[in-house]
C-alpha atoms as a PDB file:
ATOM      1  CA  UNK A   1      -0.067  -0.048   0.096  1.00  0.00           C
ATOM      2  CA  UNK A   2       1.598   3.584  -1.146  1.00  0.00           C
ATOM      3  CA  UNK A   3       1.812   6.021   1.813  1.00  0.00           C
ATOM      4  CA  UNK A   4       0.793   9.660   0.542  1.00  0.00           C
ATOM      5  CA  UNK A   5       3.975  11.863   0.831  1.00  0.00           C
ATOM      6  CA  UNK A   6       4.276  14.255   4.227  1.00  0.00           C
ATOM      7  CA  UNK A   7       4.474  18.242   3.122  1.00  0.00           C
ATOM      8  CA  UNK A   8       5.436  21.048   5.343  1.00  0.00           C
ATOM      9  CA  UNK A   9       3.975  24.425   4.690  1.00  0.00           C
ATOM     10  CA  UNK A  10       3.333  27.463   6.753  1.00  0.00           C
ATOM     11  CA  UNK A  11       0.289  29.478   7.373  1.00  0.00           C
ATOM     12  CA  UNK A  12      -0.744  32.587   9.222  1.00  0.00           C
ATOM     13  CA  UNK A  13      -3.861  32.645  10.976  1.00  0.00           C
ATOM     14  CA  UNK A  14      -4.034  36.038  13.558  1.00  0.00           C
ATOM     15  CA  UNK A  15      -0.829  37.452  12.825  1.00  0.00           C
ATOM     16  CA  UNK A  16       1.141  34.478  13.428  1.00  0.00           C
ATOM     17  CA  UNK A  17       3.026  32.084  10.927  1.00  0.00           C
ATOM     18  CA  UNK A  18       2.628  28.097  12.044  1.00  0.00           C
ATOM     19  CA  UNK A  19       4.426  25.017  10.062  1.00  0.00           C
ATOM     20  CA  UNK A  20       2.072  22.739   9.192  1.00  0.00           C
ATOM     21  CA  UNK A  21       2.860  19.108   8.415  1.00  0.00           C
ATOM     22  CA  UNK A  22      -0.105  17.159   6.154  1.00  0.00           C
ATOM     23  CA  UNK A  23      -0.744  14.612   3.608  1.00  0.00           C
ATOM     24  CA  UNK A  24      -2.019  16.946   1.477  1.00  0.00           C
ATOM     25  CA  UNK A  25      -0.814  19.337  -1.075  1.00  0.00           C
ATOM     26  CA  UNK A  26      -1.103  22.154   1.326  1.00  0.00           C
ATOM     27  CA  UNK A  27      -4.011  23.746  -0.466  1.00  0.00           C
ATOM     28  CA  UNK A  28      -6.021  22.246   2.152  1.00  0.00           C
ATOM     29  CA  UNK A  29      -4.596  23.167   4.947  1.00  0.00           C
ATOM     30  CA  UNK A  30      -3.672  26.775   3.723  1.00  0.00           C
ATOM     31  CA  UNK A  31      -8.502  26.632   3.501  1.00  0.00           C
ATOM     32  CA  UNK A  32      -7.935  25.507   6.799  1.00  0.00           C
ATOM     33  CA  UNK A  33      -5.917  27.635   8.008  1.00  0.00           C
ATOM     34  CA  UNK A  34      -7.574  30.544   6.529  1.00  0.00           C
ATOM     35  CA  UNK A  35     -10.866  29.876   7.143  1.00  0.00           C
ATOM     36  CA  UNK A  36      -9.775  29.696  11.438  1.00  0.00           C
ATOM     37  CA  UNK A  37      -8.276  33.458  10.786  1.00  0.00           C
ATOM     38  CA  UNK A  38     -11.685  34.518   9.601  1.00  0.00           C
ATOM     39  CA  UNK A  39     -12.925  32.742  12.745  1.00  0.00           C
ATOM     40  CA  UNK A  40     -10.509  34.468  14.989  1.00  0.00           C
ATOM     41  CA  UNK A  41     -10.794  37.468  13.470  1.00  0.00           C
ATOM     42  CA  UNK A  42     -15.080  37.651  13.859  1.00  0.00           C
ATOM     43  CA  UNK A  43     -14.631  37.378  17.464  1.00  0.00           C
ATOM     44  CA  UNK A  44     -11.862  39.631  17.548  1.00  0.00           C
ATOM     45  CA  UNK A  45     -13.936  42.189  15.638  1.00  0.00           C
ATOM     46  CA  UNK A  46     -16.591  41.867  18.059  1.00  0.00           C
ATOM     47  CA  UNK A  47     -14.667  42.024  21.337  1.00  0.00           C
ATOM     48  CA  UNK A  48     -13.877  45.005  23.374  1.00  0.00           C
ATOM     49  CA  UNK A  49     -10.101  43.683  24.052  1.00  0.00           C
ATOM     50  CA  UNK A  50      -7.959  40.924  22.439  1.00  0.00           C
ATOM     51  CA  UNK A  51      -6.411  38.408  24.715  1.00  0.00           C
ATOM     52  CA  UNK A  52      -5.173  36.100  21.999  1.00  0.00           C
ATOM     53  CA  UNK A  53      -5.384  32.991  24.170  1.00  0.00           C
ATOM     54  CA  UNK A  54      -8.967  34.016  25.177  1.00  0.00           C
ATOM     55  CA  UNK A  55      -9.885  34.558  21.199  1.00  0.00           C
ATOM     56  CA  UNK A  56      -9.163  31.033  20.693  1.00  0.00           C
ATOM     57  CA  UNK A  57     -11.078  29.545  22.917  1.00  0.00           C
ATOM     58  CA  UNK A  58     -14.054  32.065  21.749  1.00  0.00           C
ATOM     59  CA  UNK A  59     -12.849  31.118  18.352  1.00  0.00           C
ATOM     60  CA  UNK A  60     -12.764  27.173  18.686  1.00  0.00           C
ATOM     61  CA  UNK A  61     -16.772  27.245  20.425  1.00  0.00           C
ATOM     62  CA  UNK A  62     -17.472  29.213  17.558  1.00  0.00           C
ATOM     63  CA  UNK A  63     -16.640  26.495  15.653  1.00  0.00           C
ATOM     64  CA  UNK A  64     -17.502  23.179  17.843  1.00  0.00           C
ATOM     65  CA  UNK A  65     -20.909  24.806  17.518  1.00  0.00           C
ATOM     66  CA  UNK A  66     -20.882  24.987  13.596  1.00  0.00           C
ATOM     67  CA  UNK A  67     -19.483  21.986  14.006  1.00  0.00           C
ATOM     68  CA  UNK A  68     -22.135  20.603  16.124  1.00  0.00           C
ATOM     69  CA  UNK A  69     -25.202  21.996  14.086  1.00  0.00           C
ATOM     70  CA  UNK A  70     -23.468  20.582  11.136  1.00  0.00           C
ATOM     71  CA  UNK A  71     -23.856  16.998  12.711  1.00  0.00           C
ATOM     72  CA  UNK A  72     -27.731  18.000  14.261  1.00  0.00           C
ATOM     73  CA  UNK A  73     -28.226  18.609  10.705  1.00  0.00           C
ATOM     74  CA  UNK A  74     -26.746  15.190   8.763  1.00  0.00           C
ATOM     75  CA  UNK A  75     -28.700  13.567  11.663  1.00  0.00           C
ATOM     76  CA  UNK A  76     -32.218  14.618  10.442  1.00  0.00           C
ATOM     77  CA  UNK A  77     -31.243  14.490   6.835  1.00  0.00           C
ATOM     78  CA  UNK A  78     -30.608  10.581   8.054  1.00  0.00           C
ATOM     79  CA  UNK A  79     -34.151  10.185   9.554  1.00  0.00           C
ATOM     80  CA  UNK A  80     -35.083  11.772   6.675  1.00  0.00           C
ATOM     81  CA  UNK A  81     -33.379   9.517   4.070  1.00  0.00           C
ATOM     82  CA  UNK A  82     -34.244   5.855   6.383  1.00  0.00           C
ATOM     83  CA  UNK A  83     -38.132   7.071   6.016  1.00  0.00           C
ATOM     84  CA  UNK A  84     -38.100   7.661   2.873  1.00  0.00           C
ATOM     85  CA  UNK A  85     -36.411   4.280   2.024  1.00  0.00           C
ATOM     86  CA  UNK A  86     -38.536   2.510   4.512  1.00  0.00           C
ATOM     87  CA  UNK A  87     -42.372   4.519   2.216  1.00  0.00           C
ATOM     88  CA  UNK A  88     -40.507   3.035  -0.988  1.00  0.00           C
ATOM     89  CA  UNK A  89     -40.003  -0.281   0.689  1.00  0.00           C
ATOM     90  CA  UNK A  90     -43.568  -0.814   1.448  1.00  0.00           C
ATOM     91  CA  UNK A  91     -44.652   0.971  -1.311  1.00  0.00           C
ATOM     92  CA  UNK A  92     -42.810  -1.833  -4.046  1.00  0.00           C
ATOM     93  CA  UNK A  93     -43.541  -4.810  -1.109  1.00  0.00           C
ATOM     94  CA  UNK A  94     -47.459  -3.239  -1.867  1.00  0.00           C
ATOM     95  CA  UNK A  95     -47.559  -2.738  -5.575  1.00  0.00           C
ATOM     96  CA  UNK A  96     -45.490  -6.766  -6.154  1.00  0.00           C
ATOM     97  CA  UNK A  97     -47.630  -8.617  -4.120  1.00  0.00           C
ATOM     98  CA  UNK A  98     -50.896  -7.166  -5.893  1.00  0.00           C
ATOM     99  CA  UNK A  99     -49.238  -7.725  -8.936  1.00  0.00           C
ATOM    100  CA  UNK A 100     -50.964 -10.930 -11.286  1.00  0.00           C
END
């Protein structure tokens, strides 16, 4: 089995440079870092003072909320899909049972 080569890239998040290592070409890590940077700046814009550790925690809580909301939405979709499959299966079973 072939393993992907890891690469290290430098990204900037809220004015600090971080060297990240990943198995991707680096674009995905840059995209993630850009998202975190935008979120930190968004939270900082609403804060009265910028205390970086506190800002990082608030940003992490915001990102966690987004993640949990997405998971909740996906679970709702799974339930709706399961219900639809059950309905279609019942309809198909009924249709096949009534064939001459």
